[in-house]
């Protein structure tokens, strides 16, 4: 049974940090990459970052580049999104989702971050609120 469980959200002041976790089961990072997607209030989902560790692929959206860091830990079956220098506009529900690693090897960063239909399993989301 494929599952992704996102956690670690919360309320933080602007300039602060949070680390989101995505615990997976039913598949491994050998075959699948992980992406983090944000849905801000009243807006569509936005791909923020994705990675395939085995393929050495990491992509970031311009809006988070230099502030967010994606990583995976095979031993813990967990992916992370370290978020630093948070801004009020980072507020939203954060989802982790999986994408076949072979796709990430074939598509561009723009396709990986914007092609959300390529992600075939999603976690339930965790709320992040950044106060000004």
Protein backbone atom coordinates (compact mmCIF):
# COMPACT_ATOMS: atom_id res chain seq x y z
CA UNK A 1 0.00 0.00 0.00
CA UNK A 2 1.60 3.26 -1.16
CA UNK A 3 1.52 6.02 1.43
CA UNK A 4 3.13 9.41 1.95
CA UNK A 5 2.74 11.17 5.29
CA UNK A 6 3.70 14.84 5.46
CA UNK A 7 4.35 16.50 8.80
CA UNK A 8 6.24 19.34 10.44
CA UNK A 9 4.11 22.31 9.52
CA UNK A 10 3.21 25.02 11.96
CA UNK A 11 3.16 28.73 12.71
CA UNK A 12 6.43 30.63 12.41
CA UNK A 13 7.46 34.25 12.22
CA UNK A 14 8.91 35.73 9.05
CA UNK A 15 12.61 34.98 8.85
CA UNK A 16 12.22 31.74 10.77
CA UNK A 17 12.71 28.13 9.74
CA UNK A 18 10.74 24.90 9.58
CA UNK A 19 11.61 21.41 8.45
CA UNK A 20 8.91 19.36 6.80
CA UNK A 21 9.09 15.58 6.71
CA UNK A 22 7.50 13.12 4.31
CA UNK A 23 7.54 9.53 5.50
CA UNK A 24 6.93 6.99 2.76
CA UNK A 25 5.83 3.37 2.66
CA UNK A 26 5.04 0.87 -0.08
CA UNK A 27 7.84 2.11 -2.36
CA UNK A 28 11.46 3.25 -2.21
CA UNK A 29 13.56 6.19 -3.27
CA UNK A 30 15.41 3.86 -5.61
CA UNK A 31 12.49 3.93 -8.03
CA UNK A 32 10.76 7.21 -7.23
CA UNK A 33 11.65 10.81 -6.75
CA UNK A 34 9.88 13.14 -4.32
CA UNK A 35 8.43 16.54 -4.91
CA UNK A 36 7.11 19.22 -2.57
CA UNK A 37 4.11 21.23 -3.72
CA UNK A 38 2.49 24.23 -2.05
CA UNK A 39 -1.06 25.47 -2.28
CA UNK A 40 -1.45 29.01 -1.04
CA UNK A 41 -4.90 30.31 -0.08
CA UNK A 42 -6.92 31.00 -3.20
CA UNK A 43 -4.16 29.84 -5.53
CA UNK A 44 -3.35 26.77 -7.56
CA UNK A 45 -0.80 24.21 -6.43
CA UNK A 46 2.78 25.25 -7.11
CA UNK A 47 5.69 22.86 -7.46
CA UNK A 48 8.53 24.00 -5.21
CA UNK A 49 11.21 21.33 -5.39
CA UNK A 50 11.83 17.77 -6.45
CA UNK A 51 14.64 15.29 -6.24
CA UNK A 52 15.75 11.88 -7.35
CA UNK A 53 18.67 11.03 -5.13
CA UNK A 54 19.87 8.06 -7.16
CA UNK A 55 19.89 10.12 -10.32
CA UNK A 56 21.52 13.09 -8.64
CA UNK A 57 18.67 15.37 -9.66
CA UNK A 58 17.50 18.35 -7.61
CA UNK A 59 15.25 21.16 -8.88
CA UNK A 60 13.95 24.27 -7.14
CA UNK A 61 11.38 26.85 -8.14
CA UNK A 62 12.77 30.38 -8.35
CA UNK A 63 10.50 31.43 -5.49
CA UNK A 64 12.33 29.16 -3.02
CA UNK A 65 15.80 28.75 -4.53
CA UNK A 66 18.49 29.56 -1.96
CA UNK A 67 16.03 29.33 0.95
CA UNK A 68 14.66 25.77 0.78
CA UNK A 69 16.62 22.52 0.69
CA UNK A 70 15.19 19.15 -0.31
CA UNK A 71 16.74 15.88 0.82
CA UNK A 72 15.98 12.20 1.27
CA UNK A 73 17.11 9.64 3.83
CA UNK A 74 16.84 6.10 2.49
CA UNK A 75 17.44 4.52 5.90
CA UNK A 76 14.49 6.40 7.41
CA UNK A 77 12.27 6.26 4.30
CA UNK A 78 11.79 9.97 4.77
CA UNK A 79 12.14 13.03 2.58
CA UNK A 80 12.64 16.49 4.01
CA UNK A 81 12.13 20.09 3.01
CA UNK A 82 14.24 22.45 5.09
CA UNK A 83 12.72 25.91 4.82
CA UNK A 84 14.76 28.91 5.92
CA UNK A 85 14.23 32.67 5.71
CA UNK A 86 10.49 32.09 5.54
CA UNK A 87 8.25 34.83 4.18
CA UNK A 88 4.52 35.46 4.67
CA UNK A 89 3.99 34.47 1.04
CA UNK A 90 5.27 30.98 1.90
CA UNK A 91 2.02 30.40 3.79
CA UNK A 92 0.01 27.47 2.49
CA UNK A 93 -0.59 23.76 2.62
CA UNK A 94 2.49 21.76 1.72
CA UNK A 95 2.19 18.38 0.05
CA UNK A 96 4.76 15.75 -0.76
CA UNK A 97 4.22 13.57 -3.80
CA UNK A 98 6.11 10.89 -5.68
CA UNK A 99 7.19 10.81 -9.30
CA UNK A 100 8.85 7.90 -11.09
CA UNK A 101 12.60 8.51 -11.02
CA UNK A 102 12.85 7.66 -14.71
CA UNK A 103 10.62 10.64 -15.51
CA UNK A 104 12.92 13.05 -13.68
CA UNK A 105 15.81 11.72 -15.75
CA UNK A 106 14.01 12.59 -18.97
CA UNK A 107 12.27 15.92 -18.35
CA UNK A 108 13.40 19.49 -17.70
CA UNK A 109 13.26 21.24 -14.34
CA UNK A 110 10.32 23.30 -15.56
CA UNK A 111 8.42 20.17 -16.59
CA UNK A 112 9.21 18.47 -13.28
CA UNK A 113 8.00 21.40 -11.19
CA UNK A 114 4.96 22.33 -13.27
CA UNK A 115 3.87 18.90 -14.52
CA UNK A 116 1.96 17.97 -11.38
CA UNK A 117 0.00 15.29 -13.25
CA UNK A 118 3.25 13.29 -13.39
CA UNK A 119 3.08 12.79 -9.62
CA UNK A 120 1.05 9.64 -9.03
CA UNK A 121 0.71 9.53 -5.23
CA UNK A 122 0.28 12.36 -2.74
CA UNK A 123 0.48 12.90 0.97
CA UNK A 124 -2.31 14.60 2.89
CA UNK A 125 -0.63 18.00 3.30
CA UNK A 126 0.67 19.97 6.27
CA UNK A 127 -0.18 23.61 7.00
CA UNK A 128 2.57 26.22 7.14
CA UNK A 129 1.69 29.72 8.31
CA UNK A 130 4.27 32.50 8.28
CA UNK A 131 3.35 35.63 10.21
CA UNK A 132 4.75 39.04 9.39
